[in-house]
Amino acid sequence: MAIEHTFSILKPDVTRRNLTGKVNAVIEAAGLRIVAQKRIHMTRAQAEKFYGVHKERPFFGELVEMMTAAPVVVQVLQGENAIAKYREVMGATNPEKADAGTIRKEFALSMGENSAHGSDAPETAAQEIAQFFAGNEIVG
């Protein structure tokens, strides 16, 4: 199995409710290691760049507003098949369809406020990590 990095965002619905530690406990219990982490207040420019792939979609403006409304925690996770593992740990985008014990089932407020973001492929993980972290900030 390959050791890889993936990118994670704990969204404003998590930070507003002071659930960062509880969500990270789920991540770590799944065998993923947090090798970089910072709490930031994402700027509009950062959010628009990050979610640029959705720019033409009707929910883009609402997504940018939500992600800039309160602090987020950006993280790099490391582990065996970390990308697939973290997507499994997050659960389905719609928390009503997420499996019990997943982040979204346990913590999400709605499909829009679904508590976490995770990279979907090695290429996107590399791009997303580079947007928020310098190489020397990733330690593990």
N, C-alpha and C. Protein backbone atom coordinates (compact mmCIF):
# COMPACT_ATOMS: atom_id res chain seq x y z
N MET A 1 0.84 -1.19 0.00
CA MET A 1 0.00 0.00 0.00
C MET A 1 0.88 1.25 0.00
N ALA A 2 0.41 2.26 -0.68
CA ALA A 2 1.19 3.48 -0.84
C ALA A 2 0.90 4.48 0.27
N ILE A 3 1.98 5.04 0.83
CA ILE A 3 1.84 6.14 1.77
C ILE A 3 1.67 7.40 0.94
N GLU A 4 0.62 8.15 1.19
CA GLU A 4 0.39 9.37 0.43
C GLU A 4 -0.15 10.47 1.32
N HIS A 5 -0.19 11.68 0.75
CA HIS A 5 -0.75 12.85 1.42
C HIS A 5 -2.07 13.21 0.79
N THR A 6 -2.97 13.74 1.60
CA THR A 6 -4.21 14.31 1.09
C THR A 6 -4.47 15.61 1.83
N PHE A 7 -5.35 16.41 1.26
CA PHE A 7 -5.67 17.71 1.83
C PHE A 7 -7.03 17.64 2.50
N SER A 8 -7.17 18.33 3.61
CA SER A 8 -8.41 18.36 4.38
C SER A 8 -8.72 19.79 4.78
N ILE A 9 -9.99 20.12 4.72
CA ILE A 9 -10.47 21.37 5.33
C ILE A 9 -11.57 21.00 6.31
N LEU A 10 -11.44 21.47 7.54
CA LEU A 10 -12.54 21.42 8.49
C LEU A 10 -13.25 22.75 8.33
N LYS A 11 -14.47 22.69 7.90
CA LYS A 11 -15.21 23.86 7.43
C LYS A 11 -15.76 24.72 8.58
N PRO A 12 -16.27 25.91 8.23
CA PRO A 12 -16.78 26.82 9.26
C PRO A 12 -17.82 26.23 10.20
N ASP A 13 -18.65 25.30 9.73
CA ASP A 13 -19.64 24.71 10.65
C ASP A 13 -18.96 23.92 11.76
N VAL A 14 -17.76 23.42 11.52
CA VAL A 14 -17.00 22.71 12.56
C VAL A 14 -16.34 23.71 13.51
N THR A 15 -15.67 24.72 12.96
CA THR A 15 -14.93 25.65 13.83
C THR A 15 -15.88 26.50 14.67
N ARG A 16 -17.02 26.89 14.10
CA ARG A 16 -17.99 27.69 14.87
C ARG A 16 -18.51 26.93 16.09
N ARG A 17 -18.63 25.62 15.95
CA ARG A 17 -19.17 24.80 17.04
C ARG A 17 -18.07 24.18 17.92
N ASN A 18 -16.82 24.58 17.69
CA ASN A 18 -15.68 24.12 18.48
C ASN A 18 -15.55 22.60 18.47
N LEU A 19 -15.67 22.01 17.26
CA LEU A 19 -15.62 20.56 17.11
C LEU A 19 -14.33 20.07 16.44
N THR A 20 -13.36 20.95 16.27
CA THR A 20 -12.13 20.59 15.58
C THR A 20 -11.46 19.37 16.20
N GLY A 21 -11.33 19.35 17.49
CA GLY A 21 -10.69 18.21 18.16
C GLY A 21 -11.45 16.92 17.99
N LYS A 22 -12.78 16.99 18.07
CA LYS A 22 -13.59 15.77 17.90
C LYS A 22 -13.48 15.22 16.49
N VAL A 23 -13.50 16.12 15.49
CA VAL A 23 -13.36 15.66 14.11
C VAL A 23 -11.97 15.08 13.88
N ASN A 24 -10.94 15.76 14.39
CA ASN A 24 -9.58 15.23 14.23
C ASN A 24 -9.40 13.90 14.94
N ALA A 25 -10.11 13.67 16.02
CA ALA A 25 -10.03 12.37 16.70
C ALA A 25 -10.55 11.26 15.79
N VAL A 26 -11.59 11.53 15.02
CA VAL A 26 -12.12 10.55 14.06
C VAL A 26 -11.08 10.28 12.97
N ILE A 27 -10.45 11.35 12.49
CA ILE A 27 -9.42 11.22 11.44
C ILE A 27 -8.26 10.36 11.96
N GLU A 28 -7.78 10.67 13.14
CA GLU A 28 -6.64 9.94 13.69
C GLU A 28 -7.00 8.50 14.05
N ALA A 29 -8.22 8.27 14.52
CA ALA A 29 -8.65 6.91 14.84
C ALA A 29 -8.71 6.03 13.59
N ALA A 30 -8.87 6.66 12.43
CA ALA A 30 -8.90 5.92 11.16
C ALA A 30 -7.49 5.60 10.66
N GLY A 31 -6.47 6.03 11.40
CA GLY A 31 -5.10 5.71 11.02
C GLY A 31 -4.41 6.77 10.18
N LEU A 32 -5.03 7.93 10.05
CA LEU A 32 -4.39 9.02 9.31
C LEU A 32 -3.65 9.93 10.27
N ARG A 33 -2.50 10.41 9.85
CA ARG A 33 -1.67 11.29 10.67
C ARG A 33 -1.79 12.71 10.14
N ILE A 34 -2.00 13.67 11.03
CA ILE A 34 -2.02 15.07 10.65
C ILE A 34 -0.58 15.57 10.65
N VAL A 35 -0.06 15.88 9.44
CA VAL A 35 1.34 16.26 9.32
C VAL A 35 1.53 17.75 9.04
N ALA A 36 0.44 18.47 8.87
CA ALA A 36 0.47 19.93 8.75
C ALA A 36 -0.94 20.42 9.08
N GLN A 37 -0.99 21.56 9.77
CA GLN A 37 -2.31 22.06 10.18
C GLN A 37 -2.21 23.54 10.49
N LYS A 38 -3.22 24.29 10.07
CA LYS A 38 -3.33 25.68 10.50
C LYS A 38 -4.78 26.14 10.42
N ARG A 39 -5.09 27.01 11.34
CA ARG A 39 -6.42 27.62 11.39
C ARG A 39 -6.29 28.96 10.68
N ILE A 40 -7.12 29.17 9.66
CA ILE A 40 -7.06 30.40 8.88
C ILE A 40 -8.46 30.95 8.67
N HIS A 41 -8.53 32.22 8.37
CA HIS A 41 -9.78 32.80 7.90
C HIS A 41 -9.59 32.96 6.39
N MET A 42 -10.18 32.06 5.62
CA MET A 42 -9.99 32.03 4.18
C MET A 42 -10.50 33.35 3.57
N THR A 43 -9.69 33.94 2.72
CA THR A 43 -10.10 35.16 2.03
C THR A 43 -11.01 34.79 0.86
N ARG A 44 -11.71 35.78 0.35
CA ARG A 44 -12.56 35.57 -0.82
C ARG A 44 -11.70 35.07 -1.99
N ALA A 45 -10.53 35.68 -2.19
CA ALA A 45 -9.65 35.27 -3.29
C ALA A 45 -9.21 33.81 -3.13
N GLN A 46 -8.86 33.42 -1.91
CA GLN A 46 -8.46 32.02 -1.68
C GLN A 46 -9.61 31.07 -1.97
N ALA A 47 -10.81 31.40 -1.50
CA ALA A 47 -11.97 30.53 -1.70
C ALA A 47 -12.34 30.45 -3.18
N GLU A 48 -12.30 31.58 -3.87
CA GLU A 48 -12.64 31.57 -5.30
C GLU A 48 -11.63 30.75 -6.09
N LYS A 49 -10.36 30.85 -5.74
CA LYS A 49 -9.34 30.03 -6.41
C LYS A 49 -9.54 28.56 -6.09
N PHE A 50 -9.73 28.26 -4.81
CA PHE A 50 -9.86 26.87 -4.38
C PHE A 50 -11.05 26.19 -5.05
N TYR A 51 -12.17 26.87 -5.11
CA TYR A 51 -13.40 26.30 -5.67
C TYR A 51 -13.63 26.72 -7.11
N GLY A 52 -12.58 27.18 -7.80
CA GLY A 52 -12.69 27.64 -9.18
C GLY A 52 -13.32 26.65 -10.13
N VAL A 53 -13.15 25.37 -9.88
CA VAL A 53 -13.73 24.33 -10.72
C VAL A 53 -15.27 24.43 -10.74
N HIS A 54 -15.85 25.05 -9.70
CA HIS A 54 -17.31 25.19 -9.60
C HIS A 54 -17.81 26.57 -10.01
N LYS A 55 -16.94 27.39 -10.59
CA LYS A 55 -17.26 28.79 -10.85
C LYS A 55 -18.56 28.98 -11.64
N GLU A 56 -18.85 28.12 -12.57
CA GLU A 56 -20.05 28.26 -13.42
C GLU A 56 -21.30 27.63 -12.79
N ARG A 57 -21.15 27.01 -11.67
CA ARG A 57 -22.30 26.35 -11.03
C ARG A 57 -23.09 27.34 -10.20
N PRO A 58 -24.39 27.13 -10.06
CA PRO A 58 -25.23 28.10 -9.36
C PRO A 58 -24.90 28.26 -7.87
N PHE A 59 -24.29 27.28 -7.27
CA PHE A 59 -23.99 27.34 -5.84
C PHE A 59 -22.63 27.97 -5.53
N PHE A 60 -21.87 28.38 -6.55
CA PHE A 60 -20.51 28.90 -6.35
C PHE A 60 -20.48 30.07 -5.36
N GLY A 61 -21.32 31.07 -5.57
CA GLY A 61 -21.32 32.25 -4.71
C GLY A 61 -21.65 31.90 -3.26
N GLU A 62 -22.62 31.04 -3.08
CA GLU A 62 -23.01 30.60 -1.73
C GLU A 62 -21.87 29.82 -1.07
N LEU A 63 -21.18 29.00 -1.85
CA LEU A 63 -20.06 28.22 -1.33
C LEU A 63 -18.93 29.14 -0.87
N VAL A 64 -18.60 30.13 -1.68
CA VAL A 64 -17.55 31.08 -1.32
C VAL A 64 -17.94 31.84 -0.06
N GLU A 65 -19.17 32.28 0.02
CA GLU A 65 -19.65 33.01 1.21
C GLU A 65 -19.53 32.15 2.46
N MET A 66 -19.96 30.90 2.36
CA MET A 66 -19.91 30.00 3.51
C MET A 66 -18.47 29.75 3.96
N MET A 67 -17.57 29.55 3.00
CA MET A 67 -16.18 29.23 3.35
C MET A 67 -15.41 30.42 3.88
N THR A 68 -15.90 31.62 3.66
CA THR A 68 -15.22 32.82 4.16
C THR A 68 -15.93 33.43 5.37
N ALA A 69 -16.99 32.80 5.83
CA ALA A 69 -17.81 33.35 6.92
C ALA A 69 -17.18 33.19 8.30
N ALA A 70 -16.31 32.21 8.44
CA ALA A 70 -15.69 31.91 9.74
C ALA A 70 -14.38 31.17 9.46
N PRO A 71 -13.53 31.04 10.46
CA PRO A 71 -12.27 30.31 10.25
C PRO A 71 -12.50 28.85 9.82
N VAL A 72 -11.49 28.34 9.15
CA VAL A 72 -11.44 26.92 8.77
C VAL A 72 -10.10 26.37 9.27
N VAL A 73 -9.99 25.06 9.30
CA VAL A 73 -8.72 24.41 9.62
C VAL A 73 -8.29 23.65 8.38
N VAL A 74 -7.15 24.07 7.81
CA VAL A 74 -6.59 23.37 6.66
C VAL A 74 -5.53 22.41 7.17
N GLN A 75 -5.48 21.22 6.56
CA GLN A 75 -4.60 20.17 7.07
C GLN A 75 -4.04 19.33 5.93
N VAL A 76 -2.91 18.75 6.18
CA VAL A 76 -2.37 17.71 5.32
C VAL A 76 -2.39 16.42 6.14
N LEU A 77 -2.99 15.41 5.58
CA LEU A 77 -3.08 14.10 6.23
C LEU A 77 -2.17 13.12 5.50
N GLN A 78 -1.59 12.21 6.25
CA GLN A 78 -0.69 11.22 5.68
C GLN A 78 -1.12 9.83 6.13
N GLY A 79 -1.00 8.89 5.22
CA GLY A 79 -1.28 7.51 5.58
C GLY A 79 -1.32 6.62 4.36
N GLU A 80 -1.53 5.34 4.59
CA GLU A 80 -1.67 4.40 3.49
C GLU A 80 -2.95 4.72 2.74
N ASN A 81 -2.82 4.94 1.44
CA ASN A 81 -3.98 5.30 0.61
C ASN A 81 -4.82 6.40 1.25
N ALA A 82 -4.13 7.46 1.68
CA ALA A 82 -4.77 8.53 2.45
C ALA A 82 -5.94 9.18 1.74
N ILE A 83 -5.87 9.35 0.43
CA ILE A 83 -6.95 10.02 -0.29
C ILE A 83 -8.24 9.22 -0.17
N ALA A 84 -8.19 7.96 -0.53
CA ALA A 84 -9.38 7.11 -0.46
C ALA A 84 -9.83 6.92 0.99
N LYS A 85 -8.89 6.74 1.90
CA LYS A 85 -9.22 6.54 3.31
C LYS A 85 -9.96 7.74 3.88
N TYR A 86 -9.44 8.96 3.60
CA TYR A 86 -10.09 10.15 4.14
C TYR A 86 -11.47 10.36 3.54
N ARG A 87 -11.63 10.06 2.26
CA ARG A 87 -12.96 10.20 1.64
C ARG A 87 -13.95 9.22 2.30
N GLU A 88 -13.46 8.05 2.66
CA GLU A 88 -14.29 7.07 3.37
C GLU A 88 -14.65 7.60 4.76
N VAL A 89 -13.68 8.18 5.45
CA VAL A 89 -13.89 8.70 6.81
C VAL A 89 -14.84 9.91 6.79
N MET A 90 -14.77 10.72 5.73
CA MET A 90 -15.69 11.87 5.63
C MET A 90 -17.12 11.41 5.44
N GLY A 91 -17.34 10.41 4.61
CA GLY A 91 -18.69 9.95 4.32
C GLY A 91 -19.28 10.69 3.13
N ALA A 92 -20.47 10.30 2.75
CA ALA A 92 -21.16 10.89 1.61
C ALA A 92 -21.38 12.38 1.81
N THR A 93 -21.36 13.13 0.69
CA THR A 93 -21.55 14.59 0.74
C THR A 93 -22.85 14.95 1.45
N ASN A 94 -23.90 14.20 1.17
CA ASN A 94 -25.18 14.40 1.84
C ASN A 94 -25.14 13.62 3.16
N PRO A 95 -25.13 14.33 4.30
CA PRO A 95 -25.00 13.63 5.58
C PRO A 95 -26.12 12.62 5.85
N GLU A 96 -27.28 12.83 5.24
CA GLU A 96 -28.37 11.87 5.42
C GLU A 96 -28.05 10.52 4.79
N LYS A 97 -27.15 10.51 3.81
CA LYS A 97 -26.76 9.28 3.13
C LYS A 97 -25.42 8.74 3.61
N ALA A 98 -24.78 9.46 4.51
CA ALA A 98 -23.46 9.05 5.01
C ALA A 98 -23.60 7.89 6.00
N ASP A 99 -22.59 7.05 6.02
CA ASP A 99 -22.57 5.91 6.95
C ASP A 99 -22.35 6.39 8.38
N ALA A 100 -22.90 5.65 9.32
CA ALA A 100 -22.71 5.94 10.74
C ALA A 100 -21.22 5.96 11.06
N GLY A 101 -20.83 6.89 11.92
CA GLY A 101 -19.45 7.00 12.35
C GLY A 101 -18.59 7.87 11.46
N THR A 102 -19.10 8.27 10.29
CA THR A 102 -18.33 9.15 9.42
C THR A 102 -18.46 10.60 9.91
N ILE A 103 -17.52 11.43 9.48
CA ILE A 103 -17.52 12.84 9.90
C ILE A 103 -18.83 13.51 9.53
N ARG A 104 -19.27 13.33 8.31
CA ARG A 104 -20.48 14.02 7.86
C ARG A 104 -21.74 13.49 8.56
N LYS A 105 -21.81 12.22 8.83
CA LYS A 105 -22.97 11.68 9.53
C LYS A 105 -23.02 12.21 10.96
N GLU A 106 -21.86 12.27 11.60
CA GLU A 106 -21.81 12.64 13.01
C GLU A 106 -21.82 14.14 13.26
N PHE A 107 -21.29 14.94 12.32
CA PHE A 107 -21.09 16.36 12.61
C PHE A 107 -21.75 17.34 11.65
N ALA A 108 -22.02 16.95 10.41
CA ALA A 108 -22.55 17.89 9.42
C ALA A 108 -23.93 18.40 9.79
N LEU A 109 -24.19 19.65 9.42
CA LEU A 109 -25.49 20.26 9.65
C LEU A 109 -26.43 20.08 8.47
N SER A 110 -25.86 20.02 7.27
CA SER A 110 -26.65 19.91 6.04
C SER A 110 -25.72 19.51 4.91
N MET A 111 -26.27 19.39 3.72
CA MET A 111 -25.44 19.08 2.57
C MET A 111 -24.47 20.23 2.28
N GLY A 112 -24.89 21.46 2.48
CA GLY A 112 -24.02 22.61 2.27
C GLY A 112 -23.01 22.78 3.38
N GLU A 113 -23.45 22.60 4.61
CA GLU A 113 -22.55 22.69 5.77
C GLU A 113 -22.20 21.26 6.19
N ASN A 114 -21.34 20.65 5.36
CA ASN A 114 -21.06 19.22 5.54
C ASN A 114 -19.73 18.93 6.23
N SER A 115 -19.22 19.93 6.94
CA SER A 115 -18.12 19.78 7.90
C SER A 115 -16.72 19.58 7.35
N ALA A 116 -16.56 18.91 6.22
CA ALA A 116 -15.20 18.59 5.78
C ALA A 116 -15.07 18.56 4.27
N HIS A 117 -13.88 18.87 3.82
CA HIS A 117 -13.49 18.71 2.42
C HIS A 117 -12.28 17.81 2.38
N GLY A 118 -12.21 16.97 1.36
CA GLY A 118 -11.04 16.14 1.14
C GLY A 118 -10.74 16.02 -0.34
N SER A 119 -9.47 15.95 -0.67
CA SER A 119 -9.05 15.81 -2.06
C SER A 119 -9.63 14.53 -2.67
N ASP A 120 -9.84 14.58 -4.00
CA ASP A 120 -10.43 13.43 -4.68
C ASP A 120 -9.43 12.63 -5.52
N ALA A 121 -8.21 13.13 -5.67
CA ALA A 121 -7.21 12.44 -6.49
C ALA A 121 -5.82 12.96 -6.13
N PRO A 122 -4.78 12.22 -6.47
CA PRO A 122 -3.42 12.67 -6.16
C PRO A 122 -3.08 14.05 -6.74
N GLU A 123 -3.54 14.31 -7.96
CA GLU A 123 -3.25 15.60 -8.61
C GLU A 123 -3.92 16.75 -7.86
N THR A 124 -5.18 16.58 -7.49
CA THR A 124 -5.87 17.65 -6.77
C THR A 124 -5.30 17.79 -5.37
N ALA A 125 -4.92 16.70 -4.75
CA ALA A 125 -4.30 16.78 -3.42
C ALA A 125 -3.04 17.64 -3.48
N ALA A 126 -2.20 17.40 -4.48
CA ALA A 126 -0.96 18.17 -4.62
C ALA A 126 -1.26 19.65 -4.84
N GLN A 127 -2.23 19.98 -5.68
CA GLN A 127 -2.59 21.37 -5.95
C GLN A 127 -3.17 22.04 -4.71
N GLU A 128 -4.07 21.34 -4.03
CA GLU A 128 -4.72 21.91 -2.85
C GLU A 128 -3.72 22.13 -1.71
N ILE A 129 -2.86 21.17 -1.49
CA ILE A 129 -1.84 21.31 -0.45
C ILE A 129 -0.95 22.51 -0.76
N ALA A 130 -0.52 22.64 -2.00
CA ALA A 130 0.38 23.73 -2.39
C ALA A 130 -0.27 25.10 -2.25
N GLN A 131 -1.60 25.17 -2.34
CA GLN A 131 -2.26 26.46 -2.19
C GLN A 131 -2.13 27.00 -0.76
N PHE A 132 -2.02 26.10 0.22
CA PHE A 132 -2.05 26.54 1.62
C PHE A 132 -0.78 26.23 2.42
N PHE A 133 0.09 25.37 1.91
CA PHE A 133 1.27 24.97 2.67
C PHE A 133 2.53 25.02 1.83
N ALA A 134 3.61 25.48 2.43
CA ALA A 134 4.94 25.35 1.84
C ALA A 134 5.46 23.96 2.22
N GLY A 135 6.34 23.43 1.40
CA GLY A 135 6.86 22.09 1.66
C GLY A 135 7.46 21.90 3.04
N ASN A 136 8.12 22.94 3.57
CA ASN A 136 8.76 22.79 4.88
C ASN A 136 7.76 22.85 6.03
N GLU A 137 6.49 23.09 5.75
CA GLU A 137 5.46 23.10 6.80
C GLU A 137 4.86 21.71 7.00
N ILE A 138 5.18 20.79 6.13
CA ILE A 138 4.65 19.43 6.22
C ILE A 138 5.69 18.57 6.91
N VAL A 139 5.38 18.17 8.13
CA VAL A 139 6.32 17.39 8.92
C VAL A 139 5.64 16.13 9.43
N GLY A 140 6.32 15.05 9.40
CA GLY A 140 5.72 13.82 9.89
C GLY A 140 6.59 12.71 9.58
